[in-house]
C-alpha atoms as a PDB file:
ATOM      1  CA  MET A   1       0.059  -0.124  -0.138  1.00  0.00           C
ATOM      2  CA  PRO A   2       1.139   3.625  -0.510  1.00  0.00           C
ATOM      3  CA  SER A   3       2.676   5.358   2.458  1.00  0.00           C
ATOM      4  CA  ALA A   4       1.426   8.650   3.549  1.00  0.00           C
ATOM      5  CA  GLY A   5       1.430  11.175   0.735  1.00  0.00           C
ATOM      6  CA  GLN A   6       2.255   8.734  -1.817  1.00  0.00           C
ATOM      7  CA  ALA A   7      -0.417   8.369  -4.673  1.00  0.00           C
ATOM      8  CA  TRP A   8      -1.967   5.268  -5.788  1.00  0.00           C
ATOM      9  CA  GLY A   9      -0.571   4.987  -9.199  1.00  0.00           C
ATOM     10  CA  GLY A  10       2.170   7.294  -8.841  1.00  0.00           C
ATOM     11  CA  GLU A  11       0.502  10.080 -10.662  1.00  0.00           C
ATOM     12  CA  ALA A  12       0.443  12.692  -8.053  1.00  0.00           C
ATOM     13  CA  ASP A  13       0.591  13.325  -4.187  1.00  0.00           C
ATOM     14  CA  ILE A  14      -2.304  12.731  -1.823  1.00  0.00           C
ATOM     15  CA  GLU A  15      -2.951  16.302  -0.621  1.00  0.00           C
ATOM     16  CA  ILE A  16      -3.200  17.377   2.926  1.00  0.00           C
ATOM     17  CA  HIS A  17      -5.448  20.130   2.551  1.00  0.00           C
ATOM     18  CA  VAL A  18      -8.878  19.325   1.465  1.00  0.00           C
ATOM     19  CA  SER A  19     -10.866  22.619   1.964  1.00  0.00           C
ATOM     20  CA  ALA A  20     -10.969  22.992  -1.748  1.00  0.00           C
ATOM     21  CA  GLY A  21     -13.794  20.784  -1.800  1.00  0.00           C
ATOM     22  CA  ALA A  22     -15.805  22.489   0.713  1.00  0.00           C
ATOM     23  CA  TRP A  23     -18.000  24.163  -1.712  1.00  0.00           C
ATOM     24  CA  ILE A  24     -19.243  20.591  -3.053  1.00  0.00           C
ATOM     25  CA  VAL A  25     -20.157  19.428   0.714  1.00  0.00           C
ATOM     26  CA  GLU A  26     -22.263  22.676   1.120  1.00  0.00           C
ATOM     27  CA  ALA A  27     -23.971  22.424  -2.069  1.00  0.00           C
ATOM     28  CA  LEU A  28     -24.760  18.708  -2.090  1.00  0.00           C
ATOM     29  CA  ARG A  29     -28.308  17.465  -1.552  1.00  0.00           C
ATOM     30  CA  PRO A  30     -28.771  14.970   1.164  1.00  0.00           C
ATOM     31  CA  PHE A  31     -27.173  11.450   0.165  1.00  0.00           C
ATOM     32  CA  GLY A  32     -30.215   9.695   1.248  1.00  0.00           C
ATOM     33  CA  ARG A  33     -32.323  11.256  -1.425  1.00  0.00           C
ATOM     34  CA  HIS A  34     -30.282   9.654  -4.329  1.00  0.00           C
ATOM     35  CA  VAL A  35     -30.672  11.959  -7.057  1.00  0.00           C
ATOM     36  CA  VAL A  36     -28.176  13.613  -9.366  1.00  0.00           C
ATOM     37  CA  GLY A  37     -27.647  16.351  -6.794  1.00  0.00           C
ATOM     38  CA  SER A  38     -26.682  14.200  -4.224  1.00  0.00           C
ATOM     39  CA  LEU A  39     -23.707  13.512  -6.083  1.00  0.00           C
ATOM     40  CA  VAL A  40     -23.117  16.643  -8.208  1.00  0.00           C
ATOM     41  CA  PRO A  41     -23.513  19.968  -6.823  1.00  0.00           C
ATOM     42  CA  PRO A  42     -27.090  21.247  -7.943  1.00  0.00           C
ATOM     43  CA  VAL A  43     -25.260  24.458  -8.799  1.00  0.00           C
ATOM     44  CA  PHE A  44     -24.861  24.469 -12.505  1.00  0.00           C
ATOM     45  CA  PRO A  45     -27.189  25.385 -15.454  1.00  0.00           C
ATOM     46  CA  ALA A  46     -27.109  21.851 -16.667  1.00  0.00           C
ATOM     47  CA  HIS A  47     -26.429  18.140 -16.046  1.00  0.00           C
ATOM     48  CA  ALA A  48     -25.204  15.159 -17.992  1.00  0.00           C
ATOM     49  CA  ARG A  49     -25.411  11.449 -17.603  1.00  0.00           C
ATOM     50  CA  VAL A  50     -22.649   9.545 -19.272  1.00  0.00           C
ATOM     51  CA  PHE A  51     -23.427   5.783 -19.578  1.00  0.00           C
ATOM     52  CA  HIS A  52     -20.401   3.540 -19.162  1.00  0.00           C
ATOM     53  CA  PRO A  53     -20.346   1.238 -22.116  1.00  0.00           C
ATOM     54  CA  ALA A  54     -20.676  -2.799 -22.125  1.00  0.00           C
ATOM     55  CA  VAL A  55     -18.058  -4.462 -23.849  1.00  0.00           C
ATOM     56  CA  ARG A  56     -17.846  -7.151 -26.555  1.00  0.00           C
ATOM     57  CA  TYR A  57     -14.778  -9.293 -26.698  1.00  0.00           C
ATOM     58  CA  HIS A  58     -13.551  -9.183 -30.190  1.00  0.00           C
ATOM     59  CA  GLY A  59     -10.046 -11.029 -30.423  1.00  0.00           C
ATOM     60  CA  LEU A  60      -7.461  -9.166 -28.114  1.00  0.00           C
ATOM     61  CA  ASP A  61      -9.606  -6.146 -28.281  1.00  0.00           C
ATOM     62  CA  ASP A  62     -12.585  -4.770 -26.312  1.00  0.00           C
ATOM     63  CA  VAL A  63     -15.478  -3.377 -28.465  1.00  0.00           C
ATOM     64  CA  ASP A  64     -17.793  -0.760 -26.647  1.00  0.00           C
ATOM     65  CA  VAL A  65     -21.500  -1.444 -26.759  1.00  0.00           C
ATOM     66  CA  THR A  66     -23.887   1.205 -25.981  1.00  0.00           C
ATOM     67  CA  TRP A  67     -26.753   0.983 -23.528  1.00  0.00           C
ATOM     68  CA  ALA A  68     -29.187   1.812 -26.437  1.00  0.00           C
ATOM     69  CA  GLU A  69     -27.798  -0.977 -28.387  1.00  0.00           C
ATOM     70  CA  VAL A  70     -28.568  -3.361 -25.300  1.00  0.00           C
ATOM     71  CA  ALA A  71     -31.926  -1.970 -24.961  1.00  0.00           C
ATOM     72  CA  ALA A  72     -32.770  -2.626 -28.771  1.00  0.00           C
ATOM     73  CA  HIS A  73     -31.382  -6.072 -28.092  1.00  0.00           C
ATOM     74  CA  ASN A  74     -33.866  -6.621 -25.263  1.00  0.00           C
ATOM     75  CA  GLY A  75     -36.818  -4.902 -26.495  1.00  0.00           C
ATOM     76  CA  THR A  76     -36.634  -2.166 -24.000  1.00  0.00           C
ATOM     77  CA  ALA A  77     -36.418   1.636 -24.441  1.00  0.00           C
ATOM     78  CA  ALA A  78     -33.454   3.639 -24.212  1.00  0.00           C
ATOM     79  CA  HIS A  79     -34.113   6.827 -22.348  1.00  0.00           C
ATOM     80  CA  PRO A  80     -32.173   9.297 -20.096  1.00  0.00           C
ATOM     81  CA  ALA A  81     -33.351   7.537 -16.719  1.00  0.00           C
ATOM     82  CA  MET A  82     -32.727   4.228 -18.090  1.00  0.00           C
ATOM     83  CA  GLU A  83     -31.139   1.623 -15.652  1.00  0.00           C
ATOM     84  CA  TRP A  84     -28.904  -1.423 -16.469  1.00  0.00           C
ATOM     85  CA  GLY A  85     -31.134  -3.800 -14.626  1.00  0.00           C
ATOM     86  CA  SER A  86     -34.216  -2.746 -16.452  1.00  0.00           C
ATOM     87  CA  ILE A  87     -32.987  -2.730 -19.974  1.00  0.00           C
ATOM     88  CA  THR A  88     -31.621  -5.958 -19.560  1.00  0.00           C
ATOM     89  CA  GLY A  89     -34.319  -7.478 -17.626  1.00  0.00           C
ATOM     90  CA  SER A  90     -32.276  -8.869 -14.653  1.00  0.00           C
ATOM     91  CA  MET A  91     -29.683  -7.743 -11.813  1.00  0.00           C
ATOM     92  CA  GLU A  92     -27.502 -10.614 -12.757  1.00  0.00           C
ATOM     93  CA  PHE A  93     -26.392  -8.906 -15.788  1.00  0.00           C
ATOM     94  CA  PHE A  94     -24.317  -6.196 -13.454  1.00  0.00           C
ATOM     95  CA  GLU A  95     -21.842  -8.845 -13.016  1.00  0.00           C
ATOM     96  CA  GLU A  96     -22.197 -12.619 -13.228  1.00  0.00           C
ATOM     97  CA  ALA A  97     -23.713 -13.030 -16.818  1.00  0.00           C
ATOM     98  CA  ASP A  98     -23.597 -11.739 -20.474  1.00  0.00           C
ATOM     99  CA  GLN A  99     -25.827 -11.268 -23.427  1.00  0.00           C
ATOM    100  CA  SER A 100     -23.210 -12.783 -25.892  1.00  0.00           C
ATOM    101  CA  PRO A 101     -22.666 -12.175 -28.871  1.00  0.00           C
ATOM    102  CA  LEU A 102     -23.824  -8.573 -28.414  1.00  0.00           C
ATOM    103  CA  TRP A 103     -21.943  -7.922 -25.023  1.00  0.00           C
ATOM    104  CA  ASN A 104     -19.383 -10.093 -22.939  1.00  0.00           C
ATOM    105  CA  GLY A 105     -18.486  -7.512 -20.139  1.00  0.00           C
ATOM    106  CA  ALA A 106     -21.026  -5.392 -18.088  1.00  0.00           C
ATOM    107  CA  PRO A 107     -20.487  -1.545 -17.661  1.00  0.00           C
ATOM    108  CA  ALA A 108     -17.772  -0.529 -15.032  1.00  0.00           C
ATOM    109  CA  ARG A 109     -19.328  -0.020 -11.692  1.00  0.00           C
ATOM    110  CA  GLY A 110     -17.594   2.758  -9.735  1.00  0.00           C
ATOM    111  CA  HIS A 111     -14.914   3.421 -12.285  1.00  0.00           C
ATOM    112  CA  LEU A 112     -14.903   5.404 -15.294  1.00  0.00           C
ATOM    113  CA  PRO A 113     -13.544   3.417 -18.389  1.00  0.00           C
ATOM    114  CA  VAL A 114     -10.339   4.957 -19.971  1.00  0.00           C
ATOM    115  CA  SER A 115     -11.632   5.662 -23.293  1.00  0.00           C
ATOM    116  CA  VAL A 116     -14.434   7.416 -21.819  1.00  0.00           C
ATOM    117  CA  ALA A 117     -12.442   9.309 -19.393  1.00  0.00           C
ATOM    118  CA  GLU A 118     -10.230  10.663 -22.007  1.00  0.00           C
ATOM    119  CA  ARG A 119     -13.164  11.731 -24.460  1.00  0.00           C
ATOM    120  CA  LEU A 120     -14.825  13.321 -21.476  1.00  0.00           C
ATOM    121  CA  ALA A 121     -11.682  15.133 -20.067  1.00  0.00           C
ATOM    122  CA  ALA A 122     -10.854  16.411 -23.660  1.00  0.00           C
ATOM    123  CA  VAL A 123     -14.320  18.188 -23.618  1.00  0.00           C
ATOM    124  CA  LEU A 124     -14.227  19.546 -20.226  1.00  0.00           C
ATOM    125  CA  ALA A 125     -10.804  20.903 -20.515  1.00  0.00           C
ATOM    126  CA  ARG A 126     -12.292  23.506 -23.123  1.00  0.00           C
ATOM    127  CA  HIS A 127     -14.824  24.624 -20.529  1.00  0.00           C
ATOM    128  CA  THR A 128     -12.233  25.685 -17.809  1.00  0.00           C
ATOM    129  CA  THR A 129      -9.750  28.352 -17.345  1.00  0.00           C
ATOM    130  CA  THR A 130      -7.597  26.060 -15.059  1.00  0.00           C
ATOM    131  CA  PRO A 131      -7.144  22.525 -17.048  1.00  0.00           C
ATOM    132  CA  ASP A 132      -3.906  22.147 -15.546  1.00  0.00           C
ATOM    133  CA  ASP A 133      -5.320  22.503 -12.094  1.00  0.00           C
ATOM    134  CA  CYS A 134      -8.003  20.108 -10.995  1.00  0.00           C
ATOM    135  CA  TRP A 135      -8.790  18.180  -8.118  1.00  0.00           C
ATOM    136  CA  PHE A 136      -9.501  14.294  -8.054  1.00  0.00           C
ATOM    137  CA  GLY A 137     -11.064  12.479  -5.331  1.00  0.00           C
ATOM    138  CA  VAL A 138     -11.071   8.660  -4.854  1.00  0.00           C
ATOM    139  CA  TRP A 139     -13.393   6.799  -2.277  1.00  0.00           C
ATOM    140  CA  HIS A 140     -11.172   6.041   0.583  1.00  0.00           C
ATOM    141  CA  GLY A 141     -12.844   2.771   1.385  1.00  0.00           C
ATOM    142  CA  PHE A 142     -11.124   0.976  -1.678  1.00  0.00           C
ATOM    143  CA  GLY A 143      -8.548  -0.825   0.245  1.00  0.00           C
ATOM    144  CA  SER A 144      -5.645  -0.278  -1.715  1.00  0.00           C
ATOM    145  CA  VAL A 145      -4.360   2.908  -0.100  1.00  0.00           C
ATOM    146  CA  SER A 146      -3.914   3.706   3.447  1.00  0.00           C
ATOM    147  CA  ALA A 147      -2.522   7.153   4.096  1.00  0.00           C
ATOM    148  CA  ASP A 148      -2.324   9.498   6.902  1.00  0.00           C
ATOM    149  CA  ARG A 149      -3.928  12.363   5.208  1.00  0.00           C
ATOM    150  CA  PRO A 150      -7.290  14.016   5.772  1.00  0.00           C
ATOM    151  CA  THR A 151     -10.150  12.966   3.472  1.00  0.00           C
ATOM    152  CA  LEU A 152     -12.910  15.504   1.997  1.00  0.00           C
ATOM    153  CA  THR A 153     -16.017  14.115   3.650  1.00  0.00           C
ATOM    154  CA  LEU A 154     -19.181  14.289   1.510  1.00  0.00           C
ATOM    155  CA  PRO A 155     -22.599  13.211   2.572  1.00  0.00           C
ATOM    156  CA  GLY A 156     -22.205   9.302   2.451  1.00  0.00           C
ATOM    157  CA  ARG A 157     -18.624   9.198   1.027  1.00  0.00           C
ATOM    158  CA  GLN A 158     -14.972  10.124   2.217  1.00  0.00           C
ATOM    159  CA  HIS A 159     -12.485  10.665  -0.618  1.00  0.00           C
ATOM    160  CA  TRP A 160      -8.647  11.067  -0.410  1.00  0.00           C
ATOM    161  CA  LEU A 161      -7.639  14.037  -2.726  1.00  0.00           C
ATOM    162  CA  VAL A 162      -4.870  14.522  -5.284  1.00  0.00           C
ATOM    163  CA  ARG A 163      -4.279  17.279  -7.839  1.00  0.00           C
ATOM    164  CA  GLY A 164      -3.238  17.643 -11.223  1.00  0.00           C
ATOM    165  CA  PRO A 165      -4.136  18.351 -14.844  1.00  0.00           C
ATOM    166  CA  VAL A 166      -7.712  17.407 -16.301  1.00  0.00           C
ATOM    167  CA  GLY A 167      -6.012  14.230 -18.226  1.00  0.00           C
ATOM    168  CA  LEU A 168      -5.473  12.700 -14.772  1.00  0.00           C
ATOM    169  CA  ALA A 169      -9.077  11.835 -14.951  1.00  0.00           C
ATOM    170  CA  ALA A 170      -7.930   8.981 -17.358  1.00  0.00           C
ATOM    171  CA  ALA A 171      -5.327   7.863 -14.908  1.00  0.00           C
ATOM    172  CA  ASN A 172      -5.293   4.594 -12.923  1.00  0.00           C
ATOM    173  CA  LEU A 173      -5.162   5.757  -9.199  1.00  0.00           C
ATOM    174  CA  ALA A 174      -4.995   2.315  -7.885  1.00  0.00           C
ATOM    175  CA  PRO A 175      -1.748  -0.075  -7.584  1.00  0.00           C
ATOM    176  CA  GLU A 176      -1.794  -2.642 -10.558  1.00  0.00           C
ATOM    177  CA  PRO A 177      -3.314  -4.853 -11.429  1.00  0.00           C
ATOM    178  CA  ALA A 178      -6.441  -2.991  -9.851  1.00  0.00           C
ATOM    179  CA  GLU A 179      -8.034  -0.234 -11.911  1.00  0.00           C
ATOM    180  CA  GLN A 180      -9.591   2.739 -10.445  1.00  0.00           C
ATOM    181  CA  SER A 181     -10.458   6.331 -11.725  1.00  0.00           C
ATOM    182  CA  ALA A 182     -11.177   9.176  -9.778  1.00  0.00           C
ATOM    183  CA  ASN A 183     -14.712   8.949  -8.283  1.00  0.00           C
ATOM    184  CA  LEU A 184     -15.045  12.792  -7.992  1.00  0.00           C
ATOM    185  CA  TRP A 185     -13.176  15.809  -9.960  1.00  0.00           C
ATOM    186  CA  TRP A 186     -13.568  19.455 -10.766  1.00  0.00           C
ATOM    187  CA  PRO A 187     -11.203  22.337 -11.890  1.00  0.00           C
ATOM    188  CA  ALA A 188      -9.869  24.845  -9.659  1.00  0.00           C
ATOM    189  CA  ASP A 189     -12.372  27.419 -11.242  1.00  0.00           C
ATOM    190  CA  ARG A 190     -15.267  25.323 -10.252  1.00  0.00           C
ATOM    191  CA  THR A 191     -16.710  25.603 -13.845  1.00  0.00           C
ATOM    192  CA  TRP A 192     -17.878  21.909 -13.864  1.00  0.00           C
ATOM    193  CA  CYS A 193     -17.991  18.643 -11.507  1.00  0.00           C
ATOM    194  CA  VAL A 194     -17.874  15.030 -12.328  1.00  0.00           C
ATOM    195  CA  ALA A 195     -19.104  12.093 -10.052  1.00  0.00           C
ATOM    196  CA  THR A 196     -18.856   8.586 -10.551  1.00  0.00           C
ATOM    197  CA  ASP A 197     -20.331   7.043  -7.428  1.00  0.00           C
ATOM    198  CA  ILE A 198     -19.096   3.682  -6.154  1.00  0.00           C
ATOM    199  CA  ASP A 199     -22.186   1.826  -6.767  1.00  0.00           C
ATOM    200  CA  LEU A 200     -23.369   3.195 -10.246  1.00  0.00           C
ATOM    201  CA  VAL A 201     -22.179   2.082 -13.816  1.00  0.00           C
ATOM    202  CA  THR A 202     -22.922   5.817 -15.193  1.00  0.00           C
ATOM    203  CA  THR A 203     -21.207   9.039 -14.493  1.00  0.00           C
ATOM    204  CA  TYR A 204     -22.855  12.598 -13.716  1.00  0.00           C
ATOM    205  CA  VAL A 205     -21.359  15.780 -14.862  1.00  0.00           C
ATOM    206  CA  GLY A 206     -22.861  19.348 -13.933  1.00  0.00           C
ATOM    207  CA  GLY A 207     -21.582  22.363 -16.014  1.00  0.00           C
ATOM    208  CA  SER A 208     -22.477  25.419 -18.114  1.00  0.00           C
ATOM    209  CA  ARG A 209     -25.108  25.019 -21.035  1.00  0.00           C
ATOM    210  CA  ALA A 210     -22.412  25.115 -23.511  1.00  0.00           C
ATOM    211  CA  CYS A 211     -20.432  22.342 -21.598  1.00  0.00           C
ATOM    212  CA  VAL A 212     -23.241  20.079 -21.649  1.00  0.00           C
ATOM    213  CA  ASP A 213     -24.302  20.832 -24.887  1.00  0.00           C
ATOM    214  CA  GLU A 214     -21.089  19.644 -26.354  1.00  0.00           C
ATOM    215  CA  LEU A 215     -20.863  16.623 -24.169  1.00  0.00           C
ATOM    216  CA  LEU A 216     -24.461  15.357 -25.805  1.00  0.00           C
ATOM    217  CA  ALA A 217     -22.760  15.980 -29.031  1.00  0.00           C
ATOM    218  CA  THR A 218     -19.478  14.374 -28.654  1.00  0.00           C
ATOM    219  CA  ASP A 219     -18.852  11.062 -30.634  1.00  0.00           C
ATOM    220  CA  GLY A 220     -17.825   8.094 -28.605  1.00  0.00           C
ATOM    221  CA  LEU A 221     -19.791   9.261 -25.613  1.00  0.00           C
ATOM    222  CA  GLU A 222     -23.416   7.929 -24.829  1.00  0.00           C
ATOM    223  CA  THR A 223     -24.957  10.613 -22.848  1.00  0.00           C
ATOM    224  CA  ALA A 224     -28.424  12.191 -21.727  1.00  0.00           C
ATOM    225  CA  GLU A 225     -29.477  15.524 -20.373  1.00  0.00           C
ATOM    226  CA  VAL A 226     -30.709  14.931 -16.847  1.00  0.00           C
ATOM    227  CA  ASP A 227     -32.216  17.071 -14.149  1.00  0.00           C
ATOM    228  CA  ALA A 228     -30.742  17.545 -10.621  1.00  0.00           C
ATOM    229  CA  GLY A 229     -33.679  15.781  -9.248  1.00  0.00           C
ATOM    230  CA  GLN A 230     -33.619  12.620 -11.257  1.00  0.00           C
ATOM    231  CA  ARG A 231     -33.126   9.674  -9.034  1.00  0.00           C
ATOM    232  CA  THR A 232     -30.105   7.213  -9.542  1.00  0.00           C
ATOM    233  CA  THR A 233     -31.244   4.160  -7.770  1.00  0.00           C
ATOM    234  CA  TRP A 234     -31.615   0.714  -9.636  1.00  0.00           C
ATOM    235  CA  ASP A 235     -35.589   1.345  -9.642  1.00  0.00           C
ATOM    236  CA  ALA A 236     -35.343   4.833 -11.071  1.00  0.00           C
ATOM    237  CA  ASP A 237     -36.469   3.656 -14.744  1.00  0.00           C
ATOM    238  CA  THR A 238     -40.280   4.226 -14.900  1.00  0.00           C
ATOM    239  CA  LEU A 239     -40.605   3.148 -18.671  1.00  0.00           C
ATOM    240  CA  ASN A 240     -39.169   0.056 -18.520  1.00  0.00           C
ATOM    241  CA  PRO A 241     -40.366  -3.115 -16.380  1.00  0.00           C
ATOM    242  CA  LEU A 242     -38.138  -3.346 -13.160  1.00  0.00           C
ATOM    243  CA  PRO A 243     -35.951  -6.361 -12.993  1.00  0.00           C
ATOM    244  CA  PRO A 244     -37.739  -8.856 -11.031  1.00  0.00           C
ATOM    245  CA  ASP A 245     -34.824 -10.067  -9.063  1.00  0.00           C
ATOM    246  CA  GLY A 246     -33.915  -6.392  -7.909  1.00  0.00           C
ATOM    247  CA  PRO A 247     -33.389  -5.613  -4.405  1.00  0.00           C
ATOM    248  CA  VAL A 248     -36.490  -5.791  -2.027  1.00  0.00           C
END
């Protein structure tokens, strides 16, 4: 495990001062509401949901498969509030099953895939005056790090913080062979904020109208505009049937 002050992947040092995230703590809605605004501060003009792709194994390559493709395969509807269990028909498709030949690997949970992170960071870099000065938080409960450093305490979550350029969003912040992206990141000028909660297979972004519009139009990203009050739970999908094996 890294020692005090040493970063997970060697990309940056774990920060001692976490007050830069105080504005997020103050703005977030209660964690128990389980809405977008519980993850991303609801202070922005617009919000987007970024769907983590499923993966189809093709030789030595992984091919991204969109949620829209999965929904079409299962005869369900693709829409901004769709949930993985509802478009596939079962909670087992989160980890223990696949729908070959369409997809073999489920969307990454609590982790932003590198290809998605790179595209997302490229857009967000154009919507901040401080692309070289960003903050990144990783949930302190992963067990891959033990550091004598303060954590940023959000409602329901605590994060170790590191600081670096926006491209750090695509870096592995866990010791290999584990993989872990930042769970929370924002620029020093606070023009946007990104959250990938540890329990979810999608990422949420708050930002300017222009920022979200560009995200919605970016090739290689499956996105949808959402409201800060949209629920983020497994049963938030009201258009498709709930999976019969969902939590009680």
